Amino acid sequence: MSFDPRSLERLRDLGRQLPQKLPDPEHPKPASSKPSQKQHKVETEQNPEALFRELMQISPDGTVPEHLMARLKELETRNDNQDNHQRTNASEQPTDLPALPKTNSGKGKTTRPNHPQVEPGSEEESLYIAFGQMMLEDEEDNA
């Protein structure tokens, strides 16, 4: 498309009259950088147990926002990693305790219980049997 000389000059004049680009506005600083603003304890707590207690206290129905749950999980994993690291370092340190003597050097643990010598048919034997049955029932309930 071509313009006649008069239209072309008129377009140039209009272009000169258009407002110039405004400078970019300054972006406000994030609120977290302000030291004067107080943060809630759930934002600053580093102990996972204490953070959990705070979350339950501020939540009316026990629901917690996802970002706070993620923070709690992060603190728990960080705490677990530190505990494991401390245990590893503690186990690597030499101790002055003598080594434990080895027993049962042949077979593994037996599955038969060692019952004391009691007379067959006695009251003591029936008590041992009843106790053993209670222990087995308890194991079944817990499984």
N, C-alpha and C. Protein backbone atom coordinates (compact mmCIF):
# COMPACT_ATOMS: atom_id res chain seq x y z
N MET A 1 0.84 -1.16 0.00
CA MET A 1 0.00 0.00 0.00
C MET A 1 0.89 1.24 0.00
N SER A 2 0.57 2.17 -0.83
CA SER A 2 1.39 3.38 -0.93
C SER A 2 0.58 4.59 -0.51
N PHE A 3 1.28 5.57 0.04
CA PHE A 3 0.64 6.80 0.48
C PHE A 3 1.11 7.94 -0.41
N ASP A 4 0.25 8.89 -0.58
CA ASP A 4 0.69 10.09 -1.29
C ASP A 4 1.55 10.90 -0.33
N PRO A 5 2.37 11.80 -0.85
CA PRO A 5 3.30 12.53 0.01
C PRO A 5 2.62 13.30 1.14
N ARG A 6 1.43 13.82 0.89
CA ARG A 6 0.73 14.59 1.94
C ARG A 6 0.32 13.66 3.08
N SER A 7 -0.22 12.47 2.79
CA SER A 7 -0.65 11.52 3.82
C SER A 7 0.55 10.99 4.60
N LEU A 8 1.65 10.76 3.90
CA LEU A 8 2.85 10.25 4.55
C LEU A 8 3.39 11.26 5.57
N GLU A 9 3.39 12.55 5.18
CA GLU A 9 3.88 13.56 6.11
C GLU A 9 2.92 13.72 7.30
N ARG A 10 1.66 13.58 7.05
CA ARG A 10 0.68 13.70 8.13
C ARG A 10 0.86 12.55 9.13
N LEU A 11 1.12 11.34 8.65
CA LEU A 11 1.38 10.20 9.54
C LEU A 11 2.63 10.44 10.39
N ARG A 12 3.66 11.01 9.80
CA ARG A 12 4.88 11.29 10.56
C ARG A 12 4.62 12.32 11.65
N ASP A 13 3.82 13.33 11.34
CA ASP A 13 3.49 14.34 12.34
C ASP A 13 2.71 13.72 13.51
N LEU A 14 1.77 12.85 13.16
CA LEU A 14 1.01 12.18 14.23
C LEU A 14 1.92 11.30 15.09
N GLY A 15 2.89 10.66 14.46
CA GLY A 15 3.82 9.82 15.20
C GLY A 15 4.65 10.63 16.17
N ARG A 16 4.99 11.88 15.80
CA ARG A 16 5.76 12.73 16.70
C ARG A 16 4.90 13.20 17.87
N GLN A 17 3.60 13.27 17.68
CA GLN A 17 2.71 13.78 18.72
C GLN A 17 2.28 12.68 19.72
N LEU A 18 2.49 11.43 19.37
CA LEU A 18 2.11 10.34 20.27
C LEU A 18 2.93 10.42 21.55
N PRO A 19 2.32 10.06 22.66
CA PRO A 19 3.09 10.11 23.92
C PRO A 19 4.23 9.09 23.90
N GLN A 20 5.28 9.44 24.57
CA GLN A 20 6.44 8.56 24.66
C GLN A 20 6.16 7.44 25.67
N LYS A 21 6.95 6.40 25.58
CA LYS A 21 6.79 5.26 26.48
C LYS A 21 7.05 5.70 27.92
N LEU A 22 6.16 5.28 28.80
CA LEU A 22 6.31 5.61 30.21
C LEU A 22 7.39 4.72 30.83
N PRO A 23 8.09 5.22 31.82
CA PRO A 23 9.10 4.37 32.47
C PRO A 23 8.41 3.23 33.22
N ASP A 24 9.12 2.12 33.34
CA ASP A 24 8.57 0.95 34.04
C ASP A 24 8.35 1.29 35.51
N PRO A 25 7.22 0.87 36.06
CA PRO A 25 6.98 1.15 37.48
C PRO A 25 7.92 0.31 38.34
N GLU A 26 8.26 0.87 39.49
CA GLU A 26 9.11 0.14 40.41
C GLU A 26 8.29 -0.94 41.09
N HIS A 27 8.83 -2.14 41.12
CA HIS A 27 8.12 -3.26 41.74
C HIS A 27 8.28 -3.16 43.25
N PRO A 28 7.19 -3.32 43.99
CA PRO A 28 7.31 -3.29 45.45
C PRO A 28 8.10 -4.50 45.95
N LYS A 29 8.84 -4.30 47.01
CA LYS A 29 9.63 -5.39 47.58
C LYS A 29 8.70 -6.39 48.25
N PRO A 30 9.06 -7.68 48.23
CA PRO A 30 8.21 -8.68 48.89
C PRO A 30 8.06 -8.38 50.37
N ALA A 31 6.91 -8.77 50.90
CA ALA A 31 6.60 -8.50 52.30
C ALA A 31 7.52 -9.26 53.25
N SER A 32 8.06 -10.40 52.78
CA SER A 32 8.89 -11.21 53.67
C SER A 32 10.22 -10.54 53.98
N SER A 33 10.64 -9.57 53.15
CA SER A 33 11.91 -8.92 53.39
C SER A 33 11.81 -7.83 54.45
N LYS A 34 10.59 -7.46 54.84
CA LYS A 34 10.41 -6.43 55.85
C LYS A 34 10.62 -7.04 57.24
N PRO A 35 11.65 -6.60 57.95
CA PRO A 35 11.86 -7.16 59.28
C PRO A 35 10.85 -6.67 60.30
N SER A 36 10.18 -5.55 60.02
CA SER A 36 9.24 -5.01 61.00
C SER A 36 7.93 -5.80 61.04
N GLN A 37 7.64 -6.57 59.97
CA GLN A 37 6.40 -7.33 59.92
C GLN A 37 6.57 -8.62 60.73
N LYS A 38 5.69 -8.85 61.70
CA LYS A 38 5.78 -10.05 62.52
C LYS A 38 5.22 -11.24 61.76
N GLN A 39 5.88 -12.37 61.89
CA GLN A 39 5.40 -13.60 61.26
C GLN A 39 4.79 -14.49 62.33
N HIS A 40 3.81 -15.28 61.90
CA HIS A 40 3.15 -16.21 62.83
C HIS A 40 4.11 -17.34 63.16
N LYS A 41 3.89 -17.97 64.28
CA LYS A 41 4.77 -19.04 64.73
C LYS A 41 4.82 -20.21 63.75
N VAL A 42 3.72 -20.47 63.01
CA VAL A 42 3.74 -21.58 62.05
C VAL A 42 4.66 -21.27 60.88
N GLU A 43 5.01 -20.00 60.68
CA GLU A 43 5.93 -19.64 59.60
C GLU A 43 7.39 -19.69 60.05
N THR A 44 7.63 -19.61 61.35
CA THR A 44 9.00 -19.54 61.85
C THR A 44 9.44 -20.79 62.61
N GLU A 45 8.51 -21.63 63.01
CA GLU A 45 8.84 -22.80 63.85
C GLU A 45 9.71 -23.78 63.08
N GLN A 46 10.77 -24.29 63.72
CA GLN A 46 11.69 -25.23 63.10
C GLN A 46 11.54 -26.65 63.66
N ASN A 47 10.87 -26.80 64.78
CA ASN A 47 10.66 -28.12 65.39
C ASN A 47 9.37 -28.71 64.83
N PRO A 48 9.43 -29.89 64.16
CA PRO A 48 8.22 -30.44 63.54
C PRO A 48 7.10 -30.74 64.55
N GLU A 49 7.45 -31.20 65.75
CA GLU A 49 6.41 -31.50 66.74
C GLU A 49 5.70 -30.22 67.19
N ALA A 50 6.48 -29.18 67.44
CA ALA A 50 5.88 -27.91 67.86
C ALA A 50 5.06 -27.29 66.73
N LEU A 51 5.54 -27.43 65.50
CA LEU A 51 4.79 -26.91 64.35
C LEU A 51 3.45 -27.63 64.22
N PHE A 52 3.45 -28.95 64.41
CA PHE A 52 2.21 -29.72 64.33
C PHE A 52 1.23 -29.23 65.38
N ARG A 53 1.71 -29.02 66.62
CA ARG A 53 0.83 -28.54 67.69
C ARG A 53 0.25 -27.17 67.34
N GLU A 54 1.08 -26.28 66.80
CA GLU A 54 0.60 -24.94 66.41
C GLU A 54 -0.45 -25.04 65.31
N LEU A 55 -0.22 -25.92 64.34
CA LEU A 55 -1.18 -26.07 63.25
C LEU A 55 -2.52 -26.57 63.76
N MET A 56 -2.50 -27.49 64.71
CA MET A 56 -3.75 -28.01 65.26
C MET A 56 -4.46 -26.96 66.11
N GLN A 57 -3.69 -26.08 66.75
CA GLN A 57 -4.32 -25.05 67.57
C GLN A 57 -5.00 -23.99 66.72
N ILE A 58 -4.40 -23.63 65.58
CA ILE A 58 -4.99 -22.56 64.77
C ILE A 58 -6.05 -23.08 63.81
N SER A 59 -6.14 -24.39 63.62
CA SER A 59 -7.11 -24.94 62.69
C SER A 59 -8.38 -25.32 63.45
N PRO A 60 -9.52 -24.73 63.08
CA PRO A 60 -10.76 -25.04 63.81
C PRO A 60 -11.26 -26.46 63.58
N ASP A 61 -11.04 -27.01 62.38
CA ASP A 61 -11.57 -28.34 62.08
C ASP A 61 -10.47 -29.37 61.79
N GLY A 62 -9.22 -29.02 62.03
CA GLY A 62 -8.13 -29.96 61.83
C GLY A 62 -7.57 -29.98 60.42
N THR A 63 -8.10 -29.17 59.51
CA THR A 63 -7.56 -29.12 58.16
C THR A 63 -6.41 -28.13 58.11
N VAL A 64 -5.41 -28.47 57.31
CA VAL A 64 -4.21 -27.64 57.20
C VAL A 64 -3.97 -27.37 55.73
N PRO A 65 -3.65 -26.13 55.34
CA PRO A 65 -3.36 -25.83 53.94
C PRO A 65 -2.15 -26.63 53.44
N GLU A 66 -2.15 -26.88 52.14
CA GLU A 66 -1.11 -27.74 51.56
C GLU A 66 0.29 -27.18 51.75
N HIS A 67 0.45 -25.85 51.64
CA HIS A 67 1.79 -25.29 51.77
C HIS A 67 2.34 -25.47 53.19
N LEU A 68 1.46 -25.46 54.18
CA LEU A 68 1.92 -25.70 55.55
C LEU A 68 2.20 -27.18 55.79
N MET A 69 1.41 -28.06 55.16
CA MET A 69 1.70 -29.50 55.26
C MET A 69 3.04 -29.81 54.61
N ALA A 70 3.31 -29.18 53.47
CA ALA A 70 4.59 -29.40 52.79
C ALA A 70 5.74 -28.92 53.68
N ARG A 71 5.55 -27.80 54.36
CA ARG A 71 6.58 -27.29 55.26
C ARG A 71 6.80 -28.25 56.42
N LEU A 72 5.72 -28.80 56.96
CA LEU A 72 5.82 -29.76 58.06
C LEU A 72 6.57 -31.01 57.62
N LYS A 73 6.24 -31.53 56.44
CA LYS A 73 6.92 -32.72 55.93
C LYS A 73 8.40 -32.44 55.70
N GLU A 74 8.71 -31.25 55.19
CA GLU A 74 10.11 -30.88 54.95
C GLU A 74 10.89 -30.84 56.25
N LEU A 75 10.29 -30.24 57.29
CA LEU A 75 10.95 -30.19 58.59
C LEU A 75 11.14 -31.58 59.18
N GLU A 76 10.14 -32.46 59.00
CA GLU A 76 10.26 -33.82 59.52
C GLU A 76 11.38 -34.58 58.82
N THR A 77 11.46 -34.48 57.50
CA THR A 77 12.53 -35.19 56.79
C THR A 77 13.89 -34.61 57.15
N ARG A 78 13.97 -33.29 57.29
CA ARG A 78 15.24 -32.68 57.67
C ARG A 78 15.65 -33.14 59.07
N ASN A 79 14.69 -33.21 59.98
CA ASN A 79 14.94 -33.66 61.34
C ASN A 79 15.37 -35.13 61.36
N ASP A 80 14.69 -35.97 60.56
CA ASP A 80 15.04 -37.39 60.48
C ASP A 80 16.45 -37.56 59.92
N ASN A 81 16.78 -36.79 58.89
CA ASN A 81 18.12 -36.89 58.29
C ASN A 81 19.19 -36.49 59.30
N GLN A 82 18.93 -35.45 60.09
CA GLN A 82 19.90 -35.03 61.10
C GLN A 82 20.06 -36.11 62.17
N ASP A 83 18.95 -36.72 62.59
CA ASP A 83 19.01 -37.79 63.59
C ASP A 83 19.81 -38.98 63.07
N ASN A 84 19.55 -39.37 61.82
CA ASN A 84 20.28 -40.49 61.22
C ASN A 84 21.76 -40.17 61.11
N HIS A 85 22.08 -38.94 60.76
CA HIS A 85 23.48 -38.52 60.62
C HIS A 85 24.18 -38.56 61.98
N GLN A 86 23.47 -38.11 63.02
CA GLN A 86 24.06 -38.14 64.36
C GLN A 86 24.26 -39.58 64.84
N ARG A 87 23.30 -40.46 64.54
CA ARG A 87 23.45 -41.86 64.93
C ARG A 87 24.62 -42.50 64.21
N THR A 88 24.78 -42.18 62.93
CA THR A 88 25.88 -42.73 62.15
C THR A 88 27.21 -42.26 62.71
N ASN A 89 27.31 -40.98 63.02
CA ASN A 89 28.54 -40.46 63.59
C ASN A 89 28.83 -41.08 64.95
N ALA A 90 27.80 -41.28 65.74
CA ALA A 90 27.99 -41.87 67.07
C ALA A 90 28.45 -43.32 66.96
N SER A 91 27.95 -44.05 65.95
CA SER A 91 28.34 -45.45 65.81
C SER A 91 29.75 -45.57 65.24
N GLU A 92 30.23 -44.54 64.54
CA GLU A 92 31.58 -44.60 63.97
C GLU A 92 32.64 -44.29 65.01
N GLN A 93 32.28 -43.64 66.10
CA GLN A 93 33.24 -43.29 67.12
C GLN A 93 33.64 -44.55 67.89
N PRO A 94 34.93 -44.72 68.11
CA PRO A 94 35.36 -45.91 68.85
C PRO A 94 34.92 -45.83 70.30
N THR A 95 34.56 -46.98 70.83
CA THR A 95 34.15 -47.05 72.23
C THR A 95 35.17 -47.88 73.00
N ASP A 96 35.23 -47.65 74.27
CA ASP A 96 36.17 -48.38 75.12
C ASP A 96 35.55 -49.63 75.72
N LEU A 97 34.34 -49.97 75.30
CA LEU A 97 33.67 -51.14 75.84
C LEU A 97 34.21 -52.40 75.16
N PRO A 98 34.35 -53.49 75.92
CA PRO A 98 34.80 -54.74 75.30
C PRO A 98 33.70 -55.32 74.43
N ALA A 99 34.11 -56.12 73.46
CA ALA A 99 33.14 -56.75 72.57
C ALA A 99 32.32 -57.78 73.35
N LEU A 100 31.07 -57.93 72.96
CA LEU A 100 30.21 -58.91 73.62
C LEU A 100 30.62 -60.32 73.23
N PRO A 101 30.56 -61.25 74.16
CA PRO A 101 30.91 -62.63 73.80
C PRO A 101 29.83 -63.23 72.91
N LYS A 102 30.27 -64.06 71.98
CA LYS A 102 29.32 -64.70 71.07
C LYS A 102 28.79 -65.97 71.72
N THR A 103 27.47 -66.10 71.65
CA THR A 103 26.82 -67.30 72.14
C THR A 103 25.97 -67.87 71.03
N ASN A 104 25.57 -69.12 71.16
CA ASN A 104 24.79 -69.78 70.11
C ASN A 104 25.49 -69.65 68.77
N SER A 105 26.74 -70.01 68.73
CA SER A 105 27.52 -69.79 67.51
C SER A 105 27.15 -70.75 66.38
N GLY A 106 26.31 -71.71 66.62
CA GLY A 106 25.96 -72.65 65.57
C GLY A 106 24.61 -72.37 64.95
N LYS A 107 23.57 -72.58 65.69
CA LYS A 107 22.22 -72.48 65.16
C LYS A 107 21.64 -71.09 65.41
N GLY A 108 20.55 -70.81 64.71
CA GLY A 108 19.82 -69.58 64.93
C GLY A 108 18.89 -69.73 66.10
N LYS A 109 18.01 -68.81 66.26
CA LYS A 109 17.07 -68.84 67.38
C LYS A 109 16.09 -69.99 67.18
N THR A 110 15.83 -70.70 68.25
CA THR A 110 14.89 -71.82 68.17
C THR A 110 13.47 -71.30 68.29
N THR A 111 12.55 -72.03 67.72
CA THR A 111 11.15 -71.62 67.78
C THR A 111 10.42 -72.29 68.93
N ARG A 112 11.02 -73.27 69.54
CA ARG A 112 10.38 -73.95 70.67
C ARG A 112 10.70 -73.20 71.95
N PRO A 113 9.68 -72.91 72.74
CA PRO A 113 9.94 -72.23 74.01
C PRO A 113 10.58 -73.20 75.00
N ASN A 114 11.41 -72.65 75.84
CA ASN A 114 12.04 -73.46 76.89
C ASN A 114 11.16 -73.40 78.14
N HIS A 115 10.41 -74.47 78.38
CA HIS A 115 9.53 -74.52 79.54
C HIS A 115 10.32 -75.05 80.73
N PRO A 116 10.06 -74.51 81.90
CA PRO A 116 10.72 -75.06 83.09
C PRO A 116 10.19 -76.46 83.38
N GLN A 117 10.97 -77.19 84.11
CA GLN A 117 10.58 -78.56 84.45
C GLN A 117 9.47 -78.52 85.51
N VAL A 118 8.26 -78.87 85.09
CA VAL A 118 7.12 -78.95 86.01
C VAL A 118 6.49 -80.32 85.86
N GLU A 119 5.80 -80.73 86.88
CA GLU A 119 5.15 -82.04 86.84
C GLU A 119 3.98 -82.01 85.87
N PRO A 120 3.85 -83.02 85.01
CA PRO A 120 2.71 -83.07 84.09
C PRO A 120 1.41 -83.16 84.87
N GLY A 121 0.42 -82.38 84.45
CA GLY A 121 -0.89 -82.39 85.09
C GLY A 121 -0.98 -81.51 86.31
N SER A 122 0.09 -80.83 86.69
CA SER A 122 0.04 -79.98 87.88
C SER A 122 -0.60 -78.63 87.55
N GLU A 123 -0.94 -77.92 88.61
CA GLU A 123 -1.55 -76.60 88.44
C GLU A 123 -0.57 -75.64 87.77
N GLU A 124 0.70 -75.76 88.10
CA GLU A 124 1.72 -74.89 87.53
C GLU A 124 1.81 -75.09 86.02
N GLU A 125 1.73 -76.35 85.56
CA GLU A 125 1.78 -76.62 84.13
C GLU A 125 0.57 -76.00 83.43
N SER A 126 -0.61 -76.12 84.03
CA SER A 126 -1.81 -75.55 83.41
C SER A 126 -1.71 -74.03 83.33
N LEU A 127 -1.07 -73.41 84.33
CA LEU A 127 -0.88 -71.95 84.28
C LEU A 127 0.07 -71.56 83.15
N TYR A 128 1.15 -72.32 82.96
CA TYR A 128 2.08 -72.05 81.86
C TYR A 128 1.37 -72.18 80.51
N ILE A 129 0.56 -73.21 80.38
CA ILE A 129 -0.16 -73.43 79.13
C ILE A 129 -1.15 -72.29 78.87
N ALA A 130 -1.88 -71.89 79.90
CA ALA A 130 -2.85 -70.80 79.75
C ALA A 130 -2.15 -69.49 79.38
N PHE A 131 -1.01 -69.25 80.00
CA PHE A 131 -0.26 -68.03 79.69
C PHE A 131 0.24 -68.05 78.25
N GLY A 132 0.74 -69.19 77.81
CA GLY A 132 1.20 -69.31 76.42
C GLY A 132 0.08 -69.08 75.42
N GLN A 133 -1.11 -69.60 75.72
CA GLN A 133 -2.26 -69.38 74.83
C GLN A 133 -2.66 -67.91 74.80
N MET A 134 -2.62 -67.25 75.95
CA MET A 134 -2.95 -65.83 75.99
C MET A 134 -1.96 -65.02 75.15
N MET A 135 -0.69 -65.38 75.22
CA MET A 135 0.32 -64.67 74.43
C MET A 135 0.08 -64.87 72.94
N LEU A 136 -0.27 -66.09 72.54
CA LEU A 136 -0.55 -66.36 71.13
C LEU A 136 -1.78 -65.58 70.66
N GLU A 137 -2.82 -65.53 71.49
CA GLU A 137 -4.03 -64.78 71.13
C GLU A 137 -3.71 -63.29 71.00
N ASP A 138 -2.87 -62.79 71.88
CA ASP A 138 -2.49 -61.38 71.83
C ASP A 138 -1.72 -61.08 70.55
N GLU A 139 -0.83 -61.98 70.14
CA GLU A 139 -0.08 -61.80 68.89
C GLU A 139 -1.01 -61.78 67.70
N GLU A 140 -2.04 -62.65 67.70
CA GLU A 140 -3.00 -62.69 66.59
C GLU A 140 -3.80 -61.40 66.53
N ASP A 141 -4.16 -60.85 67.70
CA ASP A 141 -4.93 -59.60 67.73
C ASP A 141 -4.10 -58.43 67.22
N ASN A 142 -2.81 -58.43 67.51
CA ASN A 142 -1.94 -57.33 67.10
C ASN A 142 -1.54 -57.44 65.63
N ALA A 143 -1.65 -58.60 65.05
CA ALA A 143 -1.22 -58.78 63.65
C ALA A 143 -2.22 -58.26 62.67
